[in-house]
């Protein structure tokens, strides 16, 4: 283990219930994470759920972030969509603005933005979507941190125009040798064992490495680690990962304590 003091943020997607539909383990996960990505109504969530989730985060001292996505309730935002960059920029400003207003009404500021699902995966490599995301964040003028994968088009474009970026790692998703996530439904896409997820988390932080489904190590930099709230055993993964990180003296803190805003 590196002798330096190591820090990481744990994030989870929350507030993805809507109407009469209940999704995720928000009440459990909020005990273990330090940042929450709250759905903004397009792929999931609704105004009442947004407000309830922000209050839940306040009560557990968890930082609030926006989790905007494609307008795709039926597909939970995981379907590929083609939209014009100017449309996408407007979609993001609309969604994040709604969450920012809700958060401010409760006395808190939004810490970060992490786009959801298919949009996140497309913007990993797609320059026009990455640019639309970056300019949407910049236009909001709120010192927001963009959560994006290391070495992605999204991260590079945001850094190019002066937006603070937090690199994200996925401890319960498989990686390919190209550094991308294995598509859901493919062998090795999901990691269900909490101990395996914890070991991956520790290695990502302390060594900057992750093993791919092909069995090779690739480089990775992480400031925040994602735990998907809709995974069947997300609660066990979250509790195990938090416990193991603390056992090896990796400090778990919100992004604002890791990514310094100029």
C-alpha atoms as a PDB file:
ATOM      1  CA  UNK A   1       0.000   0.000   0.000  1.00  0.00           C
ATOM      2  CA  UNK A   2       1.194   3.499  -0.856  1.00  0.00           C
ATOM      3  CA  UNK A   3       2.435   5.278   2.305  1.00  0.00           C
ATOM      4  CA  UNK A   4       0.743   8.517   1.204  1.00  0.00           C
ATOM      5  CA  UNK A   5      -2.666   9.381   2.642  1.00  0.00           C
ATOM      6  CA  UNK A   6      -5.198   8.238   0.058  1.00  0.00           C
ATOM      7  CA  UNK A   7      -8.682   9.646  -0.418  1.00  0.00           C
ATOM      8  CA  UNK A   8     -11.719   8.572  -2.408  1.00  0.00           C
ATOM      9  CA  UNK A   9     -15.364   9.514  -2.753  1.00  0.00           C
ATOM     10  CA  UNK A  10     -18.074   6.845  -2.901  1.00  0.00           C
ATOM     11  CA  UNK A  11     -21.061   7.728  -5.047  1.00  0.00           C
ATOM     12  CA  UNK A  12     -24.389   6.079  -5.765  1.00  0.00           C
ATOM     13  CA  UNK A  13     -27.211   6.832  -8.164  1.00  0.00           C
ATOM     14  CA  UNK A  14     -30.271   7.708  -6.077  1.00  0.00           C
ATOM     15  CA  UNK A  15     -33.767   9.121  -6.384  1.00  0.00           C
ATOM     16  CA  UNK A  16     -34.603   6.813  -9.281  1.00  0.00           C
ATOM     17  CA  UNK A  17     -38.068   5.908  -8.027  1.00  0.00           C
ATOM     18  CA  UNK A  18     -40.969   7.788  -9.603  1.00  0.00           C
ATOM     19  CA  UNK A  19     -44.705   7.862  -9.132  1.00  0.00           C
ATOM     20  CA  UNK A  20     -45.758   4.486  -7.741  1.00  0.00           C
ATOM     21  CA  UNK A  21     -42.520   2.767  -8.814  1.00  0.00           C
ATOM     22  CA  UNK A  22     -39.864   2.020  -6.177  1.00  0.00           C
ATOM     23  CA  UNK A  23     -36.286   1.512  -7.401  1.00  0.00           C
ATOM     24  CA  UNK A  24     -33.016   1.127  -5.511  1.00  0.00           C
ATOM     25  CA  UNK A  25     -31.708   0.952  -1.940  1.00  0.00           C
ATOM     26  CA  UNK A  26     -31.415   4.662  -1.199  1.00  0.00           C
ATOM     27  CA  UNK A  27     -32.158   4.464   2.541  1.00  0.00           C
ATOM     28  CA  UNK A  28     -29.374   1.889   3.007  1.00  0.00           C
ATOM     29  CA  UNK A  29     -26.776   3.221   0.561  1.00  0.00           C
ATOM     30  CA  UNK A  30     -26.904   6.737   2.005  1.00  0.00           C
ATOM     31  CA  UNK A  31     -25.278   5.346   5.165  1.00  0.00           C
ATOM     32  CA  UNK A  32     -22.120   4.348   3.264  1.00  0.00           C
ATOM     33  CA  UNK A  33     -21.601   6.796   0.375  1.00  0.00           C
ATOM     34  CA  UNK A  34     -20.324  10.365   0.485  1.00  0.00           C
ATOM     35  CA  UNK A  35     -21.958  11.676  -2.711  1.00  0.00           C
ATOM     36  CA  UNK A  36     -25.342  10.993  -4.326  1.00  0.00           C
ATOM     37  CA  UNK A  37     -26.260  11.336  -7.991  1.00  0.00           C
ATOM     38  CA  UNK A  38     -29.947  12.257  -7.928  1.00  0.00           C
ATOM     39  CA  UNK A  39     -32.148  11.533 -10.955  1.00  0.00           C
ATOM     40  CA  UNK A  40     -33.665  14.661 -12.480  1.00  0.00           C
ATOM     41  CA  UNK A  41     -36.887  13.357 -14.000  1.00  0.00           C
ATOM     42  CA  UNK A  42     -35.938  12.372 -17.555  1.00  0.00           C
ATOM     43  CA  UNK A  43     -34.749   8.763 -17.110  1.00  0.00           C
ATOM     44  CA  UNK A  44     -36.174   8.394 -13.587  1.00  0.00           C
ATOM     45  CA  UNK A  45     -37.228  10.419 -10.556  1.00  0.00           C
ATOM     46  CA  UNK A  46     -39.923  13.023 -10.073  1.00  0.00           C
ATOM     47  CA  UNK A  47     -40.194  16.280  -8.063  1.00  0.00           C
ATOM     48  CA  UNK A  48     -41.385  14.582  -4.868  1.00  0.00           C
ATOM     49  CA  UNK A  49     -38.686  11.907  -5.055  1.00  0.00           C
ATOM     50  CA  UNK A  50     -36.024  14.533  -5.800  1.00  0.00           C
ATOM     51  CA  UNK A  51     -37.020  16.521  -2.724  1.00  0.00           C
ATOM     52  CA  UNK A  52     -37.208  13.435  -0.508  1.00  0.00           C
ATOM     53  CA  UNK A  53     -33.792  12.229  -1.691  1.00  0.00           C
ATOM     54  CA  UNK A  54     -32.129  15.577  -1.076  1.00  0.00           C
ATOM     55  CA  UNK A  55     -33.541  15.585   2.475  1.00  0.00           C
ATOM     56  CA  UNK A  56     -32.216  12.053   2.957  1.00  0.00           C
ATOM     57  CA  UNK A  57     -28.756  13.228   1.877  1.00  0.00           C
ATOM     58  CA  UNK A  58     -28.883  16.239   4.205  1.00  0.00           C
ATOM     59  CA  UNK A  59     -29.765  13.996   7.143  1.00  0.00           C
ATOM     60  CA  UNK A  60     -26.767  11.739   6.451  1.00  0.00           C
ATOM     61  CA  UNK A  61     -24.266  14.469   5.479  1.00  0.00           C
ATOM     62  CA  UNK A  62     -24.017  13.179   1.898  1.00  0.00           C
ATOM     63  CA  UNK A  63     -23.159  15.634  -0.894  1.00  0.00           C
ATOM     64  CA  UNK A  64     -25.841  16.201  -3.521  1.00  0.00           C
ATOM     65  CA  UNK A  65     -25.198  15.778  -7.239  1.00  0.00           C
ATOM     66  CA  UNK A  66     -27.340  15.876 -10.372  1.00  0.00           C
ATOM     67  CA  UNK A  67     -27.855  12.765 -12.497  1.00  0.00           C
ATOM     68  CA  UNK A  68     -29.400  13.895 -15.795  1.00  0.00           C
ATOM     69  CA  UNK A  69     -29.986  11.583 -18.735  1.00  0.00           C
ATOM     70  CA  UNK A  70     -31.837  11.037 -21.968  1.00  0.00           C
ATOM     71  CA  UNK A  71     -35.641  11.569 -21.960  1.00  0.00           C
ATOM     72  CA  UNK A  72     -36.262   7.825 -21.657  1.00  0.00           C
ATOM     73  CA  UNK A  73     -38.419   6.739 -18.709  1.00  0.00           C
ATOM     74  CA  UNK A  74     -39.485   3.570 -20.532  1.00  0.00           C
ATOM     75  CA  UNK A  75     -35.904   2.450 -21.056  1.00  0.00           C
ATOM     76  CA  UNK A  76     -34.473   3.846 -17.803  1.00  0.00           C
ATOM     77  CA  UNK A  77     -32.100   5.989 -19.853  1.00  0.00           C
ATOM     78  CA  UNK A  78     -30.129   2.970 -21.024  1.00  0.00           C
ATOM     79  CA  UNK A  79     -31.183   3.106 -24.665  1.00  0.00           C
ATOM     80  CA  UNK A  80     -29.002   4.784 -27.272  1.00  0.00           C
ATOM     81  CA  UNK A  81     -30.571   8.015 -28.530  1.00  0.00           C
ATOM     82  CA  UNK A  82     -29.601  10.392 -31.311  1.00  0.00           C
ATOM     83  CA  UNK A  83     -30.202  14.049 -30.446  1.00  0.00           C
ATOM     84  CA  UNK A  84     -28.676  17.249 -31.747  1.00  0.00           C
ATOM     85  CA  UNK A  85     -25.911  18.634 -29.492  1.00  0.00           C
ATOM     86  CA  UNK A  86     -27.875  21.842 -28.894  1.00  0.00           C
ATOM     87  CA  UNK A  87     -30.870  19.761 -27.809  1.00  0.00           C
ATOM     88  CA  UNK A  88     -28.716  17.720 -25.468  1.00  0.00           C
ATOM     89  CA  UNK A  89     -27.206  20.840 -23.927  1.00  0.00           C
ATOM     90  CA  UNK A  90     -30.707  22.215 -23.277  1.00  0.00           C
ATOM     91  CA  UNK A  91     -31.907  18.883 -21.825  1.00  0.00           C
ATOM     92  CA  UNK A  92     -29.027  18.918 -19.343  1.00  0.00           C
ATOM     93  CA  UNK A  93     -29.456  22.543 -18.284  1.00  0.00           C
ATOM     94  CA  UNK A  94     -33.184  21.918 -17.771  1.00  0.00           C
ATOM     95  CA  UNK A  95     -32.662  18.848 -15.594  1.00  0.00           C
ATOM     96  CA  UNK A  96     -29.761  20.149 -13.528  1.00  0.00           C
ATOM     97  CA  UNK A  97     -31.504  23.479 -13.071  1.00  0.00           C
ATOM     98  CA  UNK A  98     -34.508  21.696 -11.595  1.00  0.00           C
ATOM     99  CA  UNK A  99     -32.345  19.846  -9.072  1.00  0.00           C
ATOM    100  CA  UNK A 100     -30.368  22.983  -8.220  1.00  0.00           C
ATOM    101  CA  UNK A 101     -33.585  24.846  -7.477  1.00  0.00           C
ATOM    102  CA  UNK A 102     -34.894  22.013  -5.322  1.00  0.00           C
ATOM    103  CA  UNK A 103     -31.590  21.754  -3.453  1.00  0.00           C
ATOM    104  CA  UNK A 104     -31.385  25.489  -2.792  1.00  0.00           C
ATOM    105  CA  UNK A 105     -34.927  25.476  -1.426  1.00  0.00           C
ATOM    106  CA  UNK A 106     -33.608  23.046   1.202  1.00  0.00           C
ATOM    107  CA  UNK A 107     -30.461  25.045   1.938  1.00  0.00           C
ATOM    108  CA  UNK A 108     -27.833  23.033   0.060  1.00  0.00           C
ATOM    109  CA  UNK A 109     -25.834  23.499  -3.138  1.00  0.00           C
ATOM    110  CA  UNK A 110     -25.310  20.881  -5.837  1.00  0.00           C
ATOM    111  CA  UNK A 111     -21.738  19.569  -5.746  1.00  0.00           C
ATOM    112  CA  UNK A 112     -21.428  17.709  -9.040  1.00  0.00           C
ATOM    113  CA  UNK A 113     -22.994  16.427 -12.240  1.00  0.00           C
ATOM    114  CA  UNK A 114     -22.806  12.867 -13.484  1.00  0.00           C
ATOM    115  CA  UNK A 115     -24.727  12.046 -16.638  1.00  0.00           C
ATOM    116  CA  UNK A 116     -26.641   8.781 -16.701  1.00  0.00           C
ATOM    117  CA  UNK A 117     -26.652   5.483 -18.547  1.00  0.00           C
ATOM    118  CA  UNK A 118     -26.449   5.468 -22.329  1.00  0.00           C
ATOM    119  CA  UNK A 119     -25.569   9.160 -22.429  1.00  0.00           C
ATOM    120  CA  UNK A 120     -22.569   8.550 -20.149  1.00  0.00           C
ATOM    121  CA  UNK A 121     -21.384   5.640 -22.288  1.00  0.00           C
ATOM    122  CA  UNK A 122     -21.838   7.521 -25.570  1.00  0.00           C
ATOM    123  CA  UNK A 123     -20.065  10.645 -24.294  1.00  0.00           C
ATOM    124  CA  UNK A 124     -17.145   8.463 -23.188  1.00  0.00           C
ATOM    125  CA  UNK A 125     -15.905   8.547 -26.802  1.00  0.00           C
ATOM    126  CA  UNK A 126     -18.319  10.734 -28.762  1.00  0.00           C
ATOM    127  CA  UNK A 127     -16.939  14.247 -29.165  1.00  0.00           C
ATOM    128  CA  UNK A 128     -20.183  16.087 -29.955  1.00  0.00           C
ATOM    129  CA  UNK A 129     -21.986  14.711 -26.892  1.00  0.00           C
ATOM    130  CA  UNK A 130     -18.926  15.317 -24.711  1.00  0.00           C
ATOM    131  CA  UNK A 131     -18.812  18.936 -25.881  1.00  0.00           C
ATOM    132  CA  UNK A 132     -22.537  19.459 -25.246  1.00  0.00           C
ATOM    133  CA  UNK A 133     -22.146  18.139 -21.702  1.00  0.00           C
ATOM    134  CA  UNK A 134     -19.115  20.318 -21.015  1.00  0.00           C
ATOM    135  CA  UNK A 135     -20.787  23.508 -22.248  1.00  0.00           C
ATOM    136  CA  UNK A 136     -23.991  22.717 -20.352  1.00  0.00           C
ATOM    137  CA  UNK A 137     -21.981  22.453 -17.123  1.00  0.00           C
ATOM    138  CA  UNK A 138     -20.035  25.635 -17.901  1.00  0.00           C
ATOM    139  CA  UNK A 139     -23.212  27.594 -18.664  1.00  0.00           C
ATOM    140  CA  UNK A 140     -24.620  26.865 -15.194  1.00  0.00           C
ATOM    141  CA  UNK A 141     -21.787  28.888 -13.604  1.00  0.00           C
ATOM    142  CA  UNK A 142     -21.883  27.127 -10.258  1.00  0.00           C
ATOM    143  CA  UNK A 143     -18.414  25.573  -9.756  1.00  0.00           C
ATOM    144  CA  UNK A 144     -19.914  22.171 -10.465  1.00  0.00           C
ATOM    145  CA  UNK A 145     -17.613  19.165 -10.681  1.00  0.00           C
ATOM    146  CA  UNK A 146     -18.180  16.898 -13.685  1.00  0.00           C
ATOM    147  CA  UNK A 147     -17.874  13.186 -12.919  1.00  0.00           C
ATOM    148  CA  UNK A 148     -16.447  11.352 -15.930  1.00  0.00           C
ATOM    149  CA  UNK A 149     -14.242   8.355 -16.764  1.00  0.00           C
ATOM    150  CA  UNK A 150     -10.477   8.762 -16.832  1.00  0.00           C
ATOM    151  CA  UNK A 151      -9.135   9.451 -20.328  1.00  0.00           C
ATOM    152  CA  UNK A 152     -12.634   9.894 -21.786  1.00  0.00           C
ATOM    153  CA  UNK A 153     -13.731  12.458 -24.375  1.00  0.00           C
ATOM    154  CA  UNK A 154     -16.064  13.866 -21.722  1.00  0.00           C
ATOM    155  CA  UNK A 155     -13.252  14.464 -19.224  1.00  0.00           C
ATOM    156  CA  UNK A 156     -10.851  15.863 -21.812  1.00  0.00           C
ATOM    157  CA  UNK A 157     -13.351  18.378 -23.207  1.00  0.00           C
ATOM    158  CA  UNK A 158     -14.393  19.553 -19.749  1.00  0.00           C
ATOM    159  CA  UNK A 159     -10.785  20.049 -18.658  1.00  0.00           C
ATOM    160  CA  UNK A 160     -10.048  21.871 -21.909  1.00  0.00           C
ATOM    161  CA  UNK A 161     -12.636  24.555 -21.096  1.00  0.00           C
ATOM    162  CA  UNK A 162     -11.748  24.796 -17.413  1.00  0.00           C
ATOM    163  CA  UNK A 163     -14.359  22.605 -15.714  1.00  0.00           C
ATOM    164  CA  UNK A 164     -13.144  20.614 -12.675  1.00  0.00           C
ATOM    165  CA  UNK A 165     -13.378  16.886 -13.346  1.00  0.00           C
ATOM    166  CA  UNK A 166     -13.514  13.911 -10.986  1.00  0.00           C
ATOM    167  CA  UNK A 167     -12.438  10.615 -12.542  1.00  0.00           C
ATOM    168  CA  UNK A 168     -14.827   7.759 -11.832  1.00  0.00           C
ATOM    169  CA  UNK A 169     -14.224   4.044 -11.454  1.00  0.00           C
ATOM    170  CA  UNK A 170     -16.741   1.198 -11.442  1.00  0.00           C
ATOM    171  CA  UNK A 171     -16.039  -1.518  -8.921  1.00  0.00           C
ATOM    172  CA  UNK A 172     -19.023  -3.755  -9.730  1.00  0.00           C
ATOM    173  CA  UNK A 173     -18.782  -3.471 -13.514  1.00  0.00           C
ATOM    174  CA  UNK A 174     -16.338  -5.280 -15.779  1.00  0.00           C
ATOM    175  CA  UNK A 175     -13.828  -3.396 -17.952  1.00  0.00           C
ATOM    176  CA  UNK A 176     -12.566  -4.227 -21.435  1.00  0.00           C
ATOM    177  CA  UNK A 177      -8.923  -3.921 -22.465  1.00  0.00           C
ATOM    178  CA  UNK A 178      -9.879  -0.661 -24.215  1.00  0.00           C
ATOM    179  CA  UNK A 179     -10.819   0.780 -20.815  1.00  0.00           C
ATOM    180  CA  UNK A 180     -14.576   0.781 -21.480  1.00  0.00           C
ATOM    181  CA  UNK A 181     -17.324  -0.950 -19.500  1.00  0.00           C
ATOM    182  CA  UNK A 182     -18.450  -4.374 -20.649  1.00  0.00           C
ATOM    183  CA  UNK A 183     -21.995  -3.909 -22.036  1.00  0.00           C
ATOM    184  CA  UNK A 184     -24.759  -5.096 -19.723  1.00  0.00           C
ATOM    185  CA  UNK A 185     -25.902  -8.569 -20.650  1.00  0.00           C
ATOM    186  CA  UNK A 186     -22.428  -9.645 -21.786  1.00  0.00           C
ATOM    187  CA  UNK A 187     -20.282 -12.110 -19.762  1.00  0.00           C
ATOM    188  CA  UNK A 188     -18.327 -10.339 -17.040  1.00  0.00           C
ATOM    189  CA  UNK A 189     -20.400  -7.147 -17.182  1.00  0.00           C
ATOM    190  CA  UNK A 190     -21.514  -7.335 -13.548  1.00  0.00           C
ATOM    191  CA  UNK A 191     -19.582  -8.222 -10.397  1.00  0.00           C
ATOM    192  CA  UNK A 192     -21.810  -9.542  -7.636  1.00  0.00           C
ATOM    193  CA  UNK A 193     -19.290 -10.560  -4.948  1.00  0.00           C
ATOM    194  CA  UNK A 194     -18.851  -7.711  -2.402  1.00  0.00           C
ATOM    195  CA  UNK A 195     -15.327  -8.840  -1.487  1.00  0.00           C
ATOM    196  CA  UNK A 196     -14.243  -8.850  -5.119  1.00  0.00           C
ATOM    197  CA  UNK A 197     -15.716  -5.377  -5.550  1.00  0.00           C
ATOM    198  CA  UNK A 198     -13.836  -4.186  -2.454  1.00  0.00           C
ATOM    199  CA  UNK A 199     -10.542  -5.651  -3.674  1.00  0.00           C
ATOM    200  CA  UNK A 200     -11.010  -3.904  -7.018  1.00  0.00           C
ATOM    201  CA  UNK A 201     -11.729  -0.628  -5.234  1.00  0.00           C
ATOM    202  CA  UNK A 202      -8.579  -0.825  -3.121  1.00  0.00           C
ATOM    203  CA  UNK A 203      -6.417  -1.675  -6.130  1.00  0.00           C
ATOM    204  CA  UNK A 204      -7.862   1.134  -8.272  1.00  0.00           C
ATOM    205  CA  UNK A 205      -7.034   3.659  -5.559  1.00  0.00           C
ATOM    206  CA  UNK A 206      -3.702   2.360  -4.274  1.00  0.00           C
ATOM    207  CA  UNK A 207      -2.188   0.991  -7.518  1.00  0.00           C
ATOM    208  CA  UNK A 208      -4.080   2.801 -10.278  1.00  0.00           C
ATOM    209  CA  UNK A 209      -4.845  -0.531 -11.953  1.00  0.00           C
ATOM    210  CA  UNK A 210      -7.920  -2.587 -12.808  1.00  0.00           C
ATOM    211  CA  UNK A 211      -8.075  -6.085 -14.268  1.00  0.00           C
ATOM    212  CA  UNK A 212     -10.132  -6.427 -17.447  1.00  0.00           C
ATOM    213  CA  UNK A 213     -12.386  -9.300 -18.509  1.00  0.00           C
ATOM    214  CA  UNK A 214      -9.541 -10.383 -20.800  1.00  0.00           C
ATOM    215  CA  UNK A 215      -7.357 -10.832 -17.694  1.00  0.00           C
ATOM    216  CA  UNK A 216      -4.935  -7.951 -18.268  1.00  0.00           C
ATOM    217  CA  UNK A 217      -4.245  -4.888 -16.132  1.00  0.00           C
ATOM    218  CA  UNK A 218      -4.940  -1.402 -17.461  1.00  0.00           C
ATOM    219  CA  UNK A 219      -4.195   1.999 -15.946  1.00  0.00           C
ATOM    220  CA  UNK A 220      -6.956   3.951 -14.241  1.00  0.00           C
ATOM    221  CA  UNK A 221      -7.174   7.080 -12.083  1.00  0.00           C
ATOM    222  CA  UNK A 222     -10.117   7.407  -9.713  1.00  0.00           C
ATOM    223  CA  UNK A 223     -11.370  10.171  -7.446  1.00  0.00           C
ATOM    224  CA  UNK A 224     -14.788   8.589  -6.976  1.00  0.00           C
ATOM    225  CA  UNK A 225     -16.134   5.042  -7.109  1.00  0.00           C
ATOM    226  CA  UNK A 226     -19.671   4.206  -8.226  1.00  0.00           C
ATOM    227  CA  UNK A 227     -22.038   1.742  -6.585  1.00  0.00           C
ATOM    228  CA  UNK A 228     -25.154   1.218  -8.699  1.00  0.00           C
ATOM    229  CA  UNK A 229     -28.218   1.445  -6.485  1.00  0.00           C
ATOM    230  CA  UNK A 230     -30.281  -0.893  -8.657  1.00  0.00           C
ATOM    231  CA  UNK A 231     -27.802  -3.781  -8.375  1.00  0.00           C
ATOM    232  CA  UNK A 232     -29.413  -6.737  -6.544  1.00  0.00           C
ATOM    233  CA  UNK A 233     -26.917  -6.640  -3.653  1.00  0.00           C
ATOM    234  CA  UNK A 234     -25.930  -2.966  -3.756  1.00  0.00           C
ATOM    235  CA  UNK A 235     -26.400  -2.676   0.007  1.00  0.00           C
ATOM    236  CA  UNK A 236     -23.914  -5.482   0.743  1.00  0.00           C
ATOM    237  CA  UNK A 237     -21.401  -4.132  -1.774  1.00  0.00           C
ATOM    238  CA  UNK A 238     -21.607  -0.639  -0.271  1.00  0.00           C
ATOM    239  CA  UNK A 239     -21.168  -1.778   3.324  1.00  0.00           C
ATOM    240  CA  UNK A 240     -18.308  -4.149   2.479  1.00  0.00           C
ATOM    241  CA  UNK A 241     -16.442  -1.639   0.328  1.00  0.00           C
ATOM    242  CA  UNK A 242     -16.718   1.140   2.928  1.00  0.00           C
ATOM    243  CA  UNK A 243     -15.515  -1.184   5.694  1.00  0.00           C
ATOM    244  CA  UNK A 244     -12.571  -2.523   3.674  1.00  0.00           C
ATOM    245  CA  UNK A 245     -11.453   0.936   2.558  1.00  0.00           C
ATOM    246  CA  UNK A 246     -11.401   2.149   6.151  1.00  0.00           C
ATOM    247  CA  UNK A 247      -9.486  -0.962   7.245  1.00  0.00           C
ATOM    248  CA  UNK A 248      -6.641  -0.091   4.863  1.00  0.00           C
ATOM    249  CA  UNK A 249      -6.715   3.618   5.897  1.00  0.00           C
ATOM    250  CA  UNK A 250      -8.197   4.975   2.671  1.00  0.00           C
ATOM    251  CA  UNK A 251     -10.210   8.021   3.703  1.00  0.00           C
ATOM    252  CA  UNK A 252     -13.730   8.217   2.255  1.00  0.00           C
ATOM    253  CA  UNK A 253     -14.741  11.869   1.776  1.00  0.00           C
ATOM    254  CA  UNK A 254     -17.009  13.941  -0.516  1.00  0.00           C
ATOM    255  CA  UNK A 255     -15.632  15.157  -3.851  1.00  0.00           C
ATOM    256  CA  UNK A 256     -15.276  18.757  -2.670  1.00  0.00           C
ATOM    257  CA  UNK A 257     -12.481  17.575  -0.360  1.00  0.00           C
ATOM    258  CA  UNK A 258     -10.625  15.896  -3.254  1.00  0.00           C
ATOM    259  CA  UNK A 259     -11.232  18.121  -6.279  1.00  0.00           C
ATOM    260  CA  UNK A 260     -10.181  21.663  -5.475  1.00  0.00           C
ATOM    261  CA  UNK A 261     -12.143  24.440  -7.182  1.00  0.00           C
ATOM    262  CA  UNK A 262     -10.022  27.340  -8.427  1.00  0.00           C
END
